[in-house]
Amino acid sequence: MNEMTVSVSGMKGEDCIQRIESALLSLNGIDRALADLNEETVTIVYDEDAIDPSAIMQTIEDAGYQPS
């Protein structure tokens, strides 16, 4: 398992956190996703053999947010 923390701009409240976490957790290979509104980050624990980090970033974008 690998862990990455992604800066995400555009999160405004609990609904945003749930939207991002749900989108990420729906992916095969994501073990854990924890969004932090104060830090504007999402920490993701994932199986590097099952999912590529670029797919994680795309999922955050698809949910309506800007990862960096």
C-alpha atoms as a PDB file:
ATOM      1  CA  MET A   1       0.000   0.000   0.000  1.00  0.00           C
ATOM      2  CA  ASN A   2       1.110   3.532  -0.818  1.00  0.00           C
ATOM      3  CA  GLU A   3      -0.059   6.783   0.710  1.00  0.00           C
ATOM      4  CA  MET A   4      -0.318  10.148  -0.996  1.00  0.00           C
ATOM      5  CA  THR A   5      -1.624  13.510   0.114  1.00  0.00           C
ATOM      6  CA  VAL A   6      -3.147  15.746  -2.535  1.00  0.00           C
ATOM      7  CA  SER A   7      -3.940  19.440  -2.194  1.00  0.00           C
ATOM      8  CA  VAL A   8      -7.522  20.048  -3.309  1.00  0.00           C
ATOM      9  CA  SER A   9      -8.941  23.511  -3.861  1.00  0.00           C
ATOM     10  CA  GLY A  10     -12.642  24.188  -3.867  1.00  0.00           C
ATOM     11  CA  MET A  11     -13.738  22.214  -0.807  1.00  0.00           C
ATOM     12  CA  LYS A  12     -16.295  24.301   1.104  1.00  0.00           C
ATOM     13  CA  GLY A  13     -17.944  22.010   3.654  1.00  0.00           C
ATOM     14  CA  GLU A  14     -18.964  18.542   4.778  1.00  0.00           C
ATOM     15  CA  ASP A  15     -20.788  17.847   1.499  1.00  0.00           C
ATOM     16  CA  CYS A  16     -17.549  18.403  -0.421  1.00  0.00           C
ATOM     17  CA  ILE A  17     -15.645  16.075   1.887  1.00  0.00           C
ATOM     18  CA  GLN A  18     -18.238  13.337   1.467  1.00  0.00           C
ATOM     19  CA  ARG A  19     -18.343  13.790  -2.322  1.00  0.00           C
ATOM     20  CA  ILE A  20     -14.558  13.460  -2.685  1.00  0.00           C
ATOM     21  CA  GLU A  21     -14.205  10.574  -0.226  1.00  0.00           C
ATOM     22  CA  SER A  22     -17.101   8.653  -1.788  1.00  0.00           C
ATOM     23  CA  ALA A  23     -15.747   9.125  -5.311  1.00  0.00           C
ATOM     24  CA  LEU A  24     -12.313   7.871  -4.298  1.00  0.00           C
ATOM     25  CA  LEU A  25     -13.574   4.956  -2.214  1.00  0.00           C
ATOM     26  CA  SER A  26     -15.639   3.752  -5.178  1.00  0.00           C
ATOM     27  CA  LEU A  27     -12.412   3.041  -7.085  1.00  0.00           C
ATOM     28  CA  ASN A  28     -10.837  -0.394  -7.066  1.00  0.00           C
ATOM     29  CA  GLY A  29      -7.549  -0.248  -5.155  1.00  0.00           C
ATOM     30  CA  ILE A  30      -8.411   2.604  -2.775  1.00  0.00           C
ATOM     31  CA  ASP A  31      -8.129   1.453   0.830  1.00  0.00           C
ATOM     32  CA  ARG A  32      -8.737   4.766   2.582  1.00  0.00           C
ATOM     33  CA  ALA A  33      -9.531   8.373   1.639  1.00  0.00           C
ATOM     34  CA  LEU A  34      -9.603  11.128   4.245  1.00  0.00           C
ATOM     35  CA  ALA A  35     -10.365  14.717   3.258  1.00  0.00           C
ATOM     36  CA  ASP A  36      -9.285  17.563   5.541  1.00  0.00           C
ATOM     37  CA  LEU A  37     -11.272  20.753   5.007  1.00  0.00           C
ATOM     38  CA  ASN A  38      -8.949  22.951   7.094  1.00  0.00           C
ATOM     39  CA  GLU A  39      -5.817  21.858   5.247  1.00  0.00           C
ATOM     40  CA  GLU A  40      -7.618  21.520   1.891  1.00  0.00           C
ATOM     41  CA  THR A  41      -6.030  18.109   1.366  1.00  0.00           C
ATOM     42  CA  VAL A  42      -7.059  14.518   0.782  1.00  0.00           C
ATOM     43  CA  THR A  43      -4.900  11.685   2.080  1.00  0.00           C
ATOM     44  CA  ILE A  44      -5.323   8.477   0.102  1.00  0.00           C
ATOM     45  CA  VAL A  45      -4.060   4.990   0.902  1.00  0.00           C
ATOM     46  CA  TYR A  46      -4.057   2.874  -2.246  1.00  0.00           C
ATOM     47  CA  ASP A  47      -2.752  -0.330  -3.795  1.00  0.00           C
ATOM     48  CA  GLU A  48      -0.195   0.718  -6.399  1.00  0.00           C
ATOM     49  CA  ASP A  49      -0.750  -2.542  -8.281  1.00  0.00           C
ATOM     50  CA  ALA A  50      -4.478  -1.842  -8.667  1.00  0.00           C
ATOM     51  CA  ILE A  51      -4.660   1.887  -9.431  1.00  0.00           C
ATOM     52  CA  ASP A  52      -2.436   4.571 -10.884  1.00  0.00           C
ATOM     53  CA  PRO A  53      -2.075   7.964  -9.143  1.00  0.00           C
ATOM     54  CA  SER A  54      -3.203   9.704 -12.349  1.00  0.00           C
ATOM     55  CA  ALA A  55      -6.561   7.901 -12.070  1.00  0.00           C
ATOM     56  CA  ILE A  56      -6.878   9.181  -8.505  1.00  0.00           C
ATOM     57  CA  MET A  57      -6.235  12.752  -9.642  1.00  0.00           C
ATOM     58  CA  GLN A  58      -8.740  12.372 -12.485  1.00  0.00           C
ATOM     59  CA  THR A  59     -11.404  11.115 -10.076  1.00  0.00           C
ATOM     60  CA  ILE A  60     -10.941  14.199  -7.891  1.00  0.00           C
ATOM     61  CA  GLU A  61     -11.294  16.400 -10.997  1.00  0.00           C
ATOM     62  CA  ASP A  62     -14.368  14.464 -12.111  1.00  0.00           C
ATOM     63  CA  ALA A  63     -15.918  15.144  -8.691  1.00  0.00           C
ATOM     64  CA  GLY A  64     -15.592  18.869  -9.450  1.00  0.00           C
ATOM     65  CA  TYR A  65     -12.406  19.844  -7.590  1.00  0.00           C
ATOM     66  CA  GLN A  66      -8.888  20.935  -8.517  1.00  0.00           C
ATOM     67  CA  PRO A  67      -6.166  18.562  -7.282  1.00  0.00           C
ATOM     68  CA  SER A  68      -2.528  19.598  -7.260  1.00  0.00           C
END
